[in-house]
PDB file of N, CA and C in Angstrom:
ATOM      1  N   UNK A   1     -31.468  34.331  26.424  1.00  0.00           N
ATOM      2  CA  UNK A   1     -31.003  33.442  25.499  1.00  0.00           C
ATOM      3  C   UNK A   1     -29.537  33.069  25.647  1.00  0.00           C
ATOM      4  N   UNK A   2     -29.044  32.136  26.031  1.00  0.00           N
ATOM      5  CA  UNK A   2     -27.846  31.390  26.652  1.00  0.00           C
ATOM      6  C   UNK A   2     -26.738  31.274  24.994  1.00  0.00           C
ATOM      7  N   UNK A   3     -27.632  31.724  23.425  1.00  0.00           N
ATOM      8  CA  UNK A   3     -26.734  31.522  22.116  1.00  0.00           C
ATOM      9  C   UNK A   3     -26.501  32.562  21.932  1.00  0.00           C
ATOM     10  N   UNK A   4     -26.388  33.330  22.434  1.00  0.00           N
ATOM     11  CA  UNK A   4     -25.670  34.726  22.356  1.00  0.00           C
ATOM     12  C   UNK A   4     -24.798  35.267  23.335  1.00  0.00           C
ATOM     13  N   UNK A   5     -24.341  34.535  24.337  1.00  0.00           N
ATOM     14  CA  UNK A   5     -22.883  34.678  25.200  1.00  0.00           C
ATOM     15  C   UNK A   5     -22.661  33.991  24.616  1.00  0.00           C
ATOM     16  N   UNK A   6     -20.971  34.403  23.760  1.00  0.00           N
ATOM     17  CA  UNK A   6     -20.196  33.671  23.183  1.00  0.00           C
ATOM     18  C   UNK A   6     -19.451  32.909  23.963  1.00  0.00           C
ATOM     19  N   UNK A   7     -19.022  33.633  25.104  1.00  0.00           N
ATOM     20  CA  UNK A   7     -18.349  33.107  26.113  1.00  0.00           C
ATOM     21  C   UNK A   7     -17.906  31.642  26.657  1.00  0.00           C
ATOM     22  N   UNK A   8     -19.206  30.640  26.693  1.00  0.00           N
ATOM     23  CA  UNK A   8     -19.294  29.198  26.969  1.00  0.00           C
ATOM     24  C   UNK A   8     -18.806  28.758  25.670  1.00  0.00           C
ATOM     25  N   UNK A   9     -19.606  29.259  24.010  1.00  0.00           N
ATOM     26  CA  UNK A   9     -18.960  28.815  22.751  1.00  0.00           C
ATOM     27  C   UNK A   9     -17.921  28.565  22.414  1.00  0.00           C
ATOM     28  N   UNK A  10     -17.092  29.886  22.898  1.00  0.00           N
ATOM     29  CA  UNK A  10     -15.811  30.416  21.973  1.00  0.00           C
ATOM     30  C   UNK A  10     -15.303  29.492  23.036  1.00  0.00           C
ATOM     31  N   UNK A  11     -15.008  29.109  24.257  1.00  0.00           N
ATOM     32  CA  UNK A  11     -13.788  28.462  25.065  1.00  0.00           C
ATOM     33  C   UNK A  11     -14.216  27.200  24.329  1.00  0.00           C
ATOM     34  N   UNK A  12     -15.197  26.133  24.137  1.00  0.00           N
ATOM     35  CA  UNK A  12     -15.834  24.879  23.213  1.00  0.00           C
ATOM     36  C   UNK A  12     -15.051  24.846  22.051  1.00  0.00           C
ATOM     37  N   UNK A  13     -15.285  26.038  21.353  1.00  0.00           N
ATOM     38  CA  UNK A  13     -14.851  25.542  19.657  1.00  0.00           C
ATOM     39  C   UNK A  13     -13.250  26.000  20.156  1.00  0.00           C
ATOM     40  N   UNK A  14     -13.107  26.517  21.267  1.00  0.00           N
ATOM     41  CA  UNK A  14     -11.147  26.792  20.916  1.00  0.00           C
ATOM     42  C   UNK A  14     -10.618  25.800  21.236  1.00  0.00           C
ATOM     43  N   UNK A  15     -10.889  24.575  22.591  1.00  0.00           N
ATOM     44  CA  UNK A  15     -10.617  23.673  23.318  1.00  0.00           C
ATOM     45  C   UNK A  15     -10.524  22.058  21.924  1.00  0.00           C
ATOM     46  N   UNK A  16     -12.474  22.618  21.770  1.00  0.00           N
ATOM     47  CA  UNK A  16     -11.757  21.274  20.814  1.00  0.00           C
ATOM     48  C   UNK A  16     -10.818  21.873  19.208  1.00  0.00           C
ATOM     49  N   UNK A  17     -10.888  22.311  18.575  1.00  0.00           N
ATOM     50  CA  UNK A  17      -9.457  22.797  17.962  1.00  0.00           C
ATOM     51  C   UNK A  17      -8.341  22.280  18.565  1.00  0.00           C
ATOM     52  N   UNK A  18      -7.941  22.698  20.009  1.00  0.00           N
ATOM     53  CA  UNK A  18      -6.903  22.319  20.176  1.00  0.00           C
ATOM     54  C   UNK A  18      -6.826  21.270  20.374  1.00  0.00           C
ATOM     55  N   UNK A  19      -7.577  20.325  20.625  1.00  0.00           N
ATOM     56  CA  UNK A  19      -7.572  19.074  20.401  1.00  0.00           C
ATOM     57  C   UNK A  19      -7.146  18.731  19.644  1.00  0.00           C
ATOM     58  N   UNK A  20      -7.963  18.587  18.300  1.00  0.00           N
ATOM     59  CA  UNK A  20      -8.196  18.313  16.684  1.00  0.00           C
ATOM     60  C   UNK A  20      -6.434  18.498  16.241  1.00  0.00           C
ATOM     61  N   UNK A  21      -6.042  20.044  16.798  1.00  0.00           N
ATOM     62  CA  UNK A  21      -4.607  19.833  16.041  1.00  0.00           C
ATOM     63  C   UNK A  21      -3.601  19.539  16.274  1.00  0.00           C
ATOM     64  N   UNK A  22      -4.122  18.820  17.789  1.00  0.00           N
ATOM     65  CA  UNK A  22      -2.439  18.143  18.943  1.00  0.00           C
ATOM     66  C   UNK A  22      -2.761  16.504  18.346  1.00  0.00           C
ATOM     67  N   UNK A  23      -3.399  15.606  17.964  1.00  0.00           N
ATOM     68  CA  UNK A  23      -4.304  14.398  17.910  1.00  0.00           C
ATOM     69  C   UNK A  23      -4.416  14.236  16.602  1.00  0.00           C
ATOM     70  N   UNK A  24      -4.660  14.649  15.655  1.00  0.00           N
ATOM     71  CA  UNK A  24      -4.881  14.952  13.844  1.00  0.00           C
ATOM     72  C   UNK A  24      -3.525  14.819  13.332  1.00  0.00           C
ATOM     73  N   UNK A  25      -3.139  15.768  13.605  1.00  0.00           N
ATOM     74  CA  UNK A  25      -1.641  16.109  12.503  1.00  0.00           C
ATOM     75  C   UNK A  25      -0.649  14.678  13.292  1.00  0.00           C
ATOM     76  N   UNK A  26      -0.104  14.209  14.243  1.00  0.00           N
ATOM     77  CA  UNK A  26       0.879  12.880  14.083  1.00  0.00           C
ATOM     78  C   UNK A  26       0.302  12.078  13.682  1.00  0.00           C
ATOM     79  N   UNK A  27      -1.316  11.935  13.816  1.00  0.00           N
ATOM     80  CA  UNK A  27      -1.797  10.271  13.040  1.00  0.00           C
ATOM     81  C   UNK A  27      -1.519  10.412  11.955  1.00  0.00           C
ATOM     82  N   UNK A  28      -1.194  11.719  10.981  1.00  0.00           N
ATOM     83  CA  UNK A  28      -1.311  11.606   9.555  1.00  0.00           C
ATOM     84  C   UNK A  28      -0.333  11.719   9.313  1.00  0.00           C
ATOM     85  N   UNK A  29       0.325  12.056   9.780  1.00  0.00           N
ATOM     86  CA  UNK A  29       1.773  12.505   9.315  1.00  0.00           C
ATOM     87  C   UNK A  29       2.889  11.063   9.601  1.00  0.00           C
ATOM     88  N   UNK A  30       2.037   9.752  10.746  1.00  0.00           N
ATOM     89  CA  UNK A  30       2.720   8.949  10.373  1.00  0.00           C
ATOM     90  C   UNK A  30       1.986   7.623   9.418  1.00  0.00           C
ATOM     91  N   UNK A  31       1.688   8.457   8.888  1.00  0.00           N
ATOM     92  CA  UNK A  31       1.395   7.539   7.676  1.00  0.00           C
ATOM     93  C   UNK A  31       2.126   7.207   6.627  1.00  0.00           C
ATOM     94  N   UNK A  32       2.184   5.722   6.668  1.00  0.00           N
ATOM     95  CA  UNK A  32       3.225   5.701   5.355  1.00  0.00           C
ATOM     96  C   UNK A  32       2.538   5.182   3.598  1.00  0.00           C
ATOM     97  N   UNK A  33       3.099   5.375   3.116  1.00  0.00           N
ATOM     98  CA  UNK A  33       2.995   5.389   1.779  1.00  0.00           C
ATOM     99  C   UNK A  33       3.289   4.075   1.592  1.00  0.00           C
ATOM    100  N   UNK A  34       2.671   3.013   0.742  1.00  0.00           N
ATOM    101  CA  UNK A  34       3.209   1.415   0.467  1.00  0.00           C
ATOM    102  C   UNK A  34       4.331   1.378  -1.137  1.00  0.00           C
ATOM    103  N   UNK A  35       4.322   2.771  -1.370  1.00  0.00           N
ATOM    104  CA  UNK A  35       4.905   2.857  -3.146  1.00  0.00           C
ATOM    105  C   UNK A  35       5.880   4.092  -2.911  1.00  0.00           C
ATOM    106  N   UNK A  36       7.006   4.286  -2.055  1.00  0.00           N
ATOM    107  CA  UNK A  36       7.180   5.013  -1.629  1.00  0.00           C
ATOM    108  C   UNK A  36       7.604   5.624  -3.120  1.00  0.00           C
ATOM    109  N   UNK A  37       7.943   7.294  -3.298  1.00  0.00           N
ATOM    110  CA  UNK A  37       8.791   7.460  -4.642  1.00  0.00           C
ATOM    111  C   UNK A  37      10.817   7.159  -4.665  1.00  0.00           C
ATOM    112  N   UNK A  38      11.128   6.422  -5.519  1.00  0.00           N
ATOM    113  CA  UNK A  38      12.726   6.423  -5.773  1.00  0.00           C
ATOM    114  C   UNK A  38      12.826   7.196  -7.103  1.00  0.00           C
ATOM    115  N   UNK A  39      14.234   7.721  -6.559  1.00  0.00           N
ATOM    116  CA  UNK A  39      14.573   8.862  -7.598  1.00  0.00           C
ATOM    117  C   UNK A  39      15.905   8.269  -8.377  1.00  0.00           C
ATOM    118  N   UNK A  40      15.506   8.873  -9.502  1.00  0.00           N
ATOM    119  CA  UNK A  40      15.458   8.340 -10.907  1.00  0.00           C
ATOM    120  C   UNK A  40      17.320   8.909 -10.910  1.00  0.00           C
ATOM    121  N   UNK A  41      17.776   8.565 -12.082  1.00  0.00           N
ATOM    122  CA  UNK A  41      18.969   9.553 -12.618  1.00  0.00           C
ATOM    123  C   UNK A  41      18.733  10.171 -13.528  1.00  0.00           C
ATOM    124  N   UNK A  42      19.588  11.196 -13.903  1.00  0.00           N
ATOM    125  CA  UNK A  42      19.134  12.141 -14.529  1.00  0.00           C
ATOM    126  C   UNK A  42      19.377  11.587 -16.064  1.00  0.00           C
ATOM    127  N   UNK A  43      20.254  11.506 -15.468  1.00  0.00           N
ATOM    128  CA  UNK A  43      20.896   9.938 -17.370  1.00  0.00           C
ATOM    129  C   UNK A  43      20.262   9.516 -18.669  1.00  0.00           C
ATOM    130  N   UNK A  44      20.055  10.434 -19.505  1.00  0.00           N
ATOM    131  CA  UNK A  44      18.936   9.903 -20.471  1.00  0.00           C
ATOM    132  C   UNK A  44      19.615   8.215 -20.562  1.00  0.00           C
ATOM    133  N   UNK A  45      18.438   7.510 -21.064  1.00  0.00           N
ATOM    134  CA  UNK A  45      19.304   6.161 -21.260  1.00  0.00           C
ATOM    135  C   UNK A  45      19.903   5.735 -23.137  1.00  0.00           C
ATOM    136  N   UNK A  46      20.099   5.495 -23.113  1.00  0.00           N
ATOM    137  CA  UNK A  46      21.559   6.099 -24.577  1.00  0.00           C
ATOM    138  C   UNK A  46      20.202   4.882 -25.321  1.00  0.00           C
ATOM    139  N   UNK A  47      19.560   5.222 -26.671  1.00  0.00           N
ATOM    140  CA  UNK A  47      18.975   4.553 -27.818  1.00  0.00           C
ATOM    141  C   UNK A  47      19.576   4.272 -28.638  1.00  0.00           C
ATOM    142  N   UNK A  48      19.426   3.141 -29.748  1.00  0.00           N
ATOM    143  CA  UNK A  48      19.969   2.597 -30.532  1.00  0.00           C
ATOM    144  C   UNK A  48      18.951   3.600 -31.738  1.00  0.00           C
ATOM    145  N   UNK A  49      19.445   3.820 -32.955  1.00  0.00           N
ATOM    146  CA  UNK A  49      18.849   3.572 -34.199  1.00  0.00           C
ATOM    147  C   UNK A  49      18.307   1.922 -34.552  1.00  0.00           C
ATOM    148  N   UNK A  50      16.936   2.255 -35.379  1.00  0.00           N
ATOM    149  CA  UNK A  50      17.040   0.986 -35.325  1.00  0.00           C
ATOM    150  C   UNK A  50      17.278   0.597 -36.561  1.00  0.00           C
ATOM    151  N   UNK A  51      17.522  -0.523 -37.422  1.00  0.00           N
ATOM    152  CA  UNK A  51      18.407  -0.593 -38.837  1.00  0.00           C
ATOM    153  C   UNK A  51      17.247  -2.004 -39.376  1.00  0.00           C
ATOM    154  N   UNK A  52      15.751  -1.746 -39.824  1.00  0.00           N
ATOM    155  CA  UNK A  52      15.124  -1.837 -40.159  1.00  0.00           C
ATOM    156  C   UNK A  52      14.931  -1.369 -41.558  1.00  0.00           C
ATOM    157  N   UNK A  53      14.696  -2.604 -42.422  1.00  0.00           N
ATOM    158  CA  UNK A  53      14.768  -1.958 -43.651  1.00  0.00           C
ATOM    159  C   UNK A  53      13.124  -1.643 -43.925  1.00  0.00           C
ATOM    160  N   UNK A  54      12.983  -0.652 -44.918  1.00  0.00           N
ATOM    161  CA  UNK A  54      11.383   0.096 -44.826  1.00  0.00           C
ATOM    162  C   UNK A  54      11.273  -0.055 -46.356  1.00  0.00           C
ATOM    163  N   UNK A  55      10.533  -1.330 -46.912  1.00  0.00           N
ATOM    164  CA  UNK A  55      10.381  -1.548 -47.944  1.00  0.00           C
ATOM    165  C   UNK A  55       8.971  -0.784 -48.293  1.00  0.00           C
TER     166      UNK A  55
END
């Protein structure tokens, strides 16, 4: 039963993971997002009270 011999299957598994780990991460990391987040200033905007008469 060749399925019980781990030698060829382990080599195939190791080489396939090696290929996946060398090909896929650069493609994923090269992806650019259309809306890059921008840093906002830490200052809070000055708010003024409303001078509405409350009847």
